[in-house]
Amino acid sequence: MKDSIDFLICNYNGGNLLRRCIDSILNLNIQNLMIYIYDNASIDNSLDSIKNYKLNQIKIVEGENNIGYGKAINNLFEISKSEYIFILNPDAELEFDKFELE
């Protein structure tokens, strides 16, 4: 897949589900991908569970307040630079490979 794709995730107290969602994206083995996560001021361990990834493919926006799903996704749309965008909830796990995504 030569084109880039951005995955947008709005998280609020997603816990370990967020980590599993990210793992399912990374398992696609796509070179040109970005994962943007807007955290709606979670009070659980959601962000702690993913901060150890240390990948430049993951950008986290930490909201000070819960601004709601729609605003959070719109904020991520504004910083997304890809022609292709895939929106996911933190409890989603991709069950296909990059060839099926293409």
N, C-alpha and C. Protein backbone atom coordinates (compact mmCIF):
# COMPACT_ATOMS: atom_id res chain seq x y z
N MET A 1 0.86 -1.17 0.00
CA MET A 1 0.00 0.00 0.00
C MET A 1 0.90 1.22 0.00
N LYS A 2 0.94 1.95 -1.09
CA LYS A 2 1.86 3.08 -1.21
C LYS A 2 1.29 4.35 -0.60
N ASP A 3 -0.01 4.51 -0.56
CA ASP A 3 -0.62 5.68 0.02
C ASP A 3 -0.67 5.55 1.53
N SER A 4 -0.74 6.69 2.19
CA SER A 4 -0.81 6.66 3.65
C SER A 4 -2.26 6.58 4.11
N ILE A 5 -2.41 6.11 5.33
CA ILE A 5 -3.73 6.02 5.94
C ILE A 5 -3.60 6.43 7.40
N ASP A 6 -4.57 7.22 7.86
CA ASP A 6 -4.63 7.62 9.26
C ASP A 6 -5.79 6.93 9.93
N PHE A 7 -5.52 6.43 11.12
CA PHE A 7 -6.54 5.81 11.96
C PHE A 7 -6.84 6.79 13.08
N LEU A 8 -8.11 7.16 13.23
CA LEU A 8 -8.53 8.11 14.25
C LEU A 8 -9.32 7.38 15.31
N ILE A 9 -8.94 7.59 16.57
CA ILE A 9 -9.60 6.91 17.69
C ILE A 9 -9.93 7.94 18.76
N CYS A 10 -11.17 7.97 19.16
CA CYS A 10 -11.59 8.77 20.30
C CYS A 10 -11.69 7.84 21.49
N ASN A 11 -10.94 8.14 22.54
CA ASN A 11 -10.90 7.26 23.71
C ASN A 11 -11.47 7.97 24.94
N TYR A 12 -12.25 7.24 25.69
CA TYR A 12 -12.66 7.66 27.02
C TYR A 12 -12.77 6.42 27.89
N ASN A 13 -11.82 6.26 28.78
CA ASN A 13 -11.78 5.11 29.69
C ASN A 13 -11.84 3.78 28.94
N GLY A 14 -11.09 3.68 27.86
CA GLY A 14 -11.07 2.45 27.07
C GLY A 14 -10.28 1.32 27.68
N GLY A 15 -9.50 1.62 28.70
CA GLY A 15 -8.72 0.58 29.36
C GLY A 15 -7.82 -0.17 28.41
N ASN A 16 -7.69 -1.47 28.63
CA ASN A 16 -6.84 -2.30 27.78
C ASN A 16 -7.42 -2.53 26.39
N LEU A 17 -8.69 -2.20 26.20
CA LEU A 17 -9.28 -2.32 24.87
C LEU A 17 -8.55 -1.42 23.87
N LEU A 18 -8.14 -0.25 24.32
CA LEU A 18 -7.41 0.68 23.45
C LEU A 18 -6.11 0.05 22.97
N ARG A 19 -5.41 -0.59 23.86
CA ARG A 19 -4.14 -1.25 23.49
C ARG A 19 -4.39 -2.36 22.46
N ARG A 20 -5.42 -3.14 22.67
CA ARG A 20 -5.73 -4.21 21.71
C ARG A 20 -6.12 -3.64 20.35
N CYS A 21 -6.82 -2.51 20.35
CA CYS A 21 -7.19 -1.85 19.10
C CYS A 21 -5.93 -1.41 18.35
N ILE A 22 -5.02 -0.77 19.06
CA ILE A 22 -3.77 -0.31 18.44
C ILE A 22 -2.96 -1.49 17.93
N ASP A 23 -2.87 -2.54 18.71
CA ASP A 23 -2.13 -3.74 18.27
C ASP A 23 -2.71 -4.29 16.97
N SER A 24 -4.04 -4.28 16.86
CA SER A 24 -4.66 -4.82 15.63
C SER A 24 -4.33 -3.95 14.42
N ILE A 25 -4.17 -2.64 14.63
CA ILE A 25 -3.77 -1.75 13.54
C ILE A 25 -2.33 -2.00 13.16
N LEU A 26 -1.46 -2.05 14.15
CA LEU A 26 -0.03 -2.26 13.89
C LEU A 26 0.24 -3.62 13.25
N ASN A 27 -0.59 -4.61 13.53
CA ASN A 27 -0.43 -5.94 12.93
C ASN A 27 -0.70 -5.96 11.43
N LEU A 28 -1.28 -4.88 10.91
CA LEU A 28 -1.48 -4.80 9.46
C LEU A 28 -0.17 -4.64 8.72
N ASN A 29 0.88 -4.21 9.43
CA ASN A 29 2.21 -4.01 8.83
C ASN A 29 2.17 -3.06 7.65
N ILE A 30 1.48 -1.95 7.81
CA ILE A 30 1.43 -0.90 6.79
C ILE A 30 2.53 0.10 7.11
N GLN A 31 3.33 0.43 6.10
CA GLN A 31 4.44 1.34 6.31
C GLN A 31 4.00 2.78 6.58
N ASN A 32 3.05 3.25 5.81
CA ASN A 32 2.65 4.65 5.87
C ASN A 32 1.34 4.82 6.61
N LEU A 33 1.40 4.64 7.92
CA LEU A 33 0.18 4.83 8.70
C LEU A 33 0.48 5.71 9.90
N MET A 34 -0.56 6.38 10.35
CA MET A 34 -0.52 7.15 11.58
C MET A 34 -1.75 6.78 12.39
N ILE A 35 -1.58 6.72 13.69
CA ILE A 35 -2.69 6.49 14.60
C ILE A 35 -2.82 7.74 15.47
N TYR A 36 -3.94 8.41 15.34
CA TYR A 36 -4.20 9.59 16.15
C TYR A 36 -5.25 9.23 17.19
N ILE A 37 -4.93 9.51 18.44
CA ILE A 37 -5.84 9.20 19.54
C ILE A 37 -6.18 10.49 20.26
N TYR A 38 -7.46 10.77 20.37
CA TYR A 38 -7.91 11.87 21.21
C TYR A 38 -8.46 11.26 22.48
N ASP A 39 -7.84 11.61 23.61
CA ASP A 39 -8.31 11.09 24.88
C ASP A 39 -9.18 12.14 25.55
N ASN A 40 -10.41 11.77 25.82
CA ASN A 40 -11.41 12.66 26.41
C ASN A 40 -11.31 12.68 27.93
N ALA A 41 -10.12 13.01 28.44
CA ALA A 41 -9.89 13.15 29.88
C ALA A 41 -10.22 11.86 30.65
N SER A 42 -9.71 10.75 30.14
CA SER A 42 -9.94 9.46 30.81
C SER A 42 -9.37 9.47 32.22
N ILE A 43 -10.02 8.72 33.09
CA ILE A 43 -9.54 8.60 34.47
C ILE A 43 -9.09 7.17 34.78
N ASP A 44 -9.02 6.34 33.75
CA ASP A 44 -8.54 4.96 33.94
C ASP A 44 -7.09 4.86 33.47
N ASN A 45 -6.65 3.67 33.19
CA ASN A 45 -5.27 3.44 32.76
C ASN A 45 -5.10 3.43 31.23
N SER A 46 -6.05 3.94 30.50
CA SER A 46 -6.00 3.89 29.04
C SER A 46 -4.68 4.39 28.48
N LEU A 47 -4.31 5.60 28.84
CA LEU A 47 -3.10 6.18 28.26
C LEU A 47 -1.84 5.52 28.81
N ASP A 48 -1.85 5.15 30.07
CA ASP A 48 -0.69 4.46 30.63
C ASP A 48 -0.41 3.16 29.89
N SER A 49 -1.46 2.50 29.44
CA SER A 49 -1.28 1.20 28.78
C SER A 49 -0.68 1.33 27.38
N ILE A 50 -0.66 2.54 26.81
CA ILE A 50 -0.13 2.69 25.45
C ILE A 50 1.10 3.58 25.37
N LYS A 51 1.43 4.28 26.44
CA LYS A 51 2.56 5.21 26.37
C LYS A 51 3.90 4.52 26.20
N ASN A 52 3.96 3.23 26.43
CA ASN A 52 5.24 2.53 26.27
C ASN A 52 5.49 2.09 24.83
N TYR A 53 4.61 2.40 23.89
CA TYR A 53 4.82 2.02 22.50
C TYR A 53 6.04 2.71 21.89
N LYS A 54 6.26 3.96 22.21
CA LYS A 54 7.42 4.71 21.71
C LYS A 54 7.53 4.69 20.19
N LEU A 55 6.41 4.72 19.52
CA LEU A 55 6.41 4.72 18.06
C LEU A 55 6.08 6.11 17.55
N ASN A 56 6.75 6.51 16.49
CA ASN A 56 6.42 7.81 15.91
C ASN A 56 5.14 7.73 15.07
N GLN A 57 4.54 6.56 14.99
CA GLN A 57 3.28 6.39 14.25
C GLN A 57 2.06 6.65 15.12
N ILE A 58 2.26 6.92 16.40
CA ILE A 58 1.14 7.15 17.31
C ILE A 58 1.24 8.55 17.90
N LYS A 59 0.20 9.33 17.71
CA LYS A 59 0.12 10.67 18.28
C LYS A 59 -1.09 10.72 19.20
N ILE A 60 -0.85 11.19 20.42
CA ILE A 60 -1.91 11.26 21.42
C ILE A 60 -2.22 12.72 21.71
N VAL A 61 -3.49 13.06 21.65
CA VAL A 61 -3.96 14.37 22.06
C VAL A 61 -4.72 14.16 23.36
N GLU A 62 -4.21 14.73 24.43
CA GLU A 62 -4.84 14.56 25.74
C GLU A 62 -5.74 15.76 26.03
N GLY A 63 -7.04 15.52 26.00
CA GLY A 63 -7.99 16.58 26.30
C GLY A 63 -8.07 16.84 27.79
N GLU A 64 -8.24 18.09 28.15
CA GLU A 64 -8.38 18.45 29.56
C GLU A 64 -9.78 18.15 30.08
N ASN A 65 -10.75 18.14 29.16
CA ASN A 65 -12.14 17.87 29.50
C ASN A 65 -12.69 16.88 28.48
N ASN A 66 -13.81 16.27 28.83
CA ASN A 66 -14.49 15.40 27.88
C ASN A 66 -15.33 16.28 26.96
N ILE A 67 -14.86 16.43 25.71
CA ILE A 67 -15.56 17.29 24.76
C ILE A 67 -16.55 16.52 23.90
N GLY A 68 -16.66 15.23 24.12
CA GLY A 68 -17.59 14.40 23.36
C GLY A 68 -16.93 13.78 22.14
N TYR A 69 -17.59 12.76 21.63
CA TYR A 69 -17.04 11.98 20.53
C TYR A 69 -16.88 12.81 19.25
N GLY A 70 -17.93 13.51 18.87
CA GLY A 70 -17.92 14.26 17.61
C GLY A 70 -16.83 15.30 17.55
N LYS A 71 -16.71 16.11 18.58
CA LYS A 71 -15.68 17.14 18.61
C LYS A 71 -14.28 16.53 18.63
N ALA A 72 -14.14 15.45 19.36
CA ALA A 72 -12.83 14.80 19.44
C ALA A 72 -12.39 14.30 18.06
N ILE A 73 -13.28 13.62 17.36
CA ILE A 73 -12.95 13.13 16.01
C ILE A 73 -12.70 14.30 15.07
N ASN A 74 -13.48 15.35 15.15
CA ASN A 74 -13.25 16.53 14.30
C ASN A 74 -11.89 17.15 14.57
N ASN A 75 -11.46 17.18 15.83
CA ASN A 75 -10.13 17.69 16.15
C ASN A 75 -9.05 16.83 15.49
N LEU A 76 -9.26 15.53 15.49
CA LEU A 76 -8.29 14.65 14.84
C LEU A 76 -8.30 14.81 13.33
N PHE A 77 -9.48 15.05 12.75
CA PHE A 77 -9.56 15.30 11.31
C PHE A 77 -8.71 16.52 10.93
N GLU A 78 -8.71 17.52 11.79
CA GLU A 78 -7.96 18.74 11.50
C GLU A 78 -6.46 18.51 11.47
N ILE A 79 -5.95 17.56 12.24
CA ILE A 79 -4.51 17.32 12.23
C ILE A 79 -4.09 16.17 11.32
N SER A 80 -5.07 15.42 10.83
CA SER A 80 -4.78 14.32 9.91
C SER A 80 -4.28 14.87 8.58
N LYS A 81 -3.30 14.19 8.03
CA LYS A 81 -2.71 14.64 6.76
C LYS A 81 -2.89 13.64 5.63
N SER A 82 -3.58 12.57 5.89
CA SER A 82 -3.70 11.50 4.92
C SER A 82 -4.93 11.67 4.04
N GLU A 83 -4.84 11.11 2.86
CA GLU A 83 -5.99 11.08 1.96
C GLU A 83 -7.01 10.06 2.43
N TYR A 84 -6.54 9.02 3.11
CA TYR A 84 -7.41 7.95 3.58
C TYR A 84 -7.49 7.98 5.10
N ILE A 85 -8.70 7.93 5.60
CA ILE A 85 -8.93 8.00 7.04
C ILE A 85 -9.86 6.87 7.46
N PHE A 86 -9.51 6.23 8.56
CA PHE A 86 -10.27 5.11 9.10
C PHE A 86 -10.59 5.48 10.55
N ILE A 87 -11.85 5.57 10.90
CA ILE A 87 -12.26 5.93 12.25
C ILE A 87 -12.62 4.66 13.02
N LEU A 88 -12.04 4.55 14.22
CA LEU A 88 -12.29 3.38 15.06
C LEU A 88 -12.67 3.80 16.47
N ASN A 89 -13.45 2.97 17.12
CA ASN A 89 -13.68 3.09 18.54
C ASN A 89 -12.61 2.27 19.24
N PRO A 90 -12.27 2.60 20.48
CA PRO A 90 -11.19 1.87 21.15
C PRO A 90 -11.49 0.40 21.42
N ASP A 91 -12.75 0.01 21.32
CA ASP A 91 -13.07 -1.41 21.55
C ASP A 91 -13.08 -2.21 20.26
N ALA A 92 -12.66 -1.60 19.16
CA ALA A 92 -12.62 -2.29 17.87
C ALA A 92 -11.28 -3.01 17.69
N GLU A 93 -11.33 -4.17 17.08
CA GLU A 93 -10.12 -4.88 16.71
C GLU A 93 -10.26 -5.29 15.24
N LEU A 94 -9.28 -4.92 14.45
CA LEU A 94 -9.32 -5.23 13.02
C LEU A 94 -9.04 -6.72 12.82
N GLU A 95 -9.87 -7.33 12.00
CA GLU A 95 -9.72 -8.77 11.74
C GLU A 95 -9.48 -9.05 10.27
N PHE A 96 -8.77 -8.15 9.63
CA PHE A 96 -8.42 -8.34 8.23
C PHE A 96 -6.97 -7.92 8.05
N ASP A 97 -6.40 -8.23 6.88
CA ASP A 97 -5.02 -7.86 6.65
C ASP A 97 -4.95 -6.64 5.72
N LYS A 98 -3.75 -6.17 5.46
CA LYS A 98 -3.60 -4.95 4.67
C LYS A 98 -4.10 -5.13 3.24
N PHE A 99 -4.06 -6.34 2.74
CA PHE A 99 -4.54 -6.56 1.38
C PHE A 99 -6.06 -6.42 1.29
N GLU A 100 -6.74 -6.87 2.32
CA GLU A 100 -8.20 -6.70 2.37
C GLU A 100 -8.55 -5.23 2.59
N LEU A 101 -7.73 -4.51 3.33
CA LEU A 101 -7.96 -3.09 3.54
C LEU A 101 -7.83 -2.33 2.23
N GLU A 102 -6.83 -2.69 1.42
CA GLU A 102 -6.67 -2.03 0.12
C GLU A 102 -7.89 -2.21 -0.73
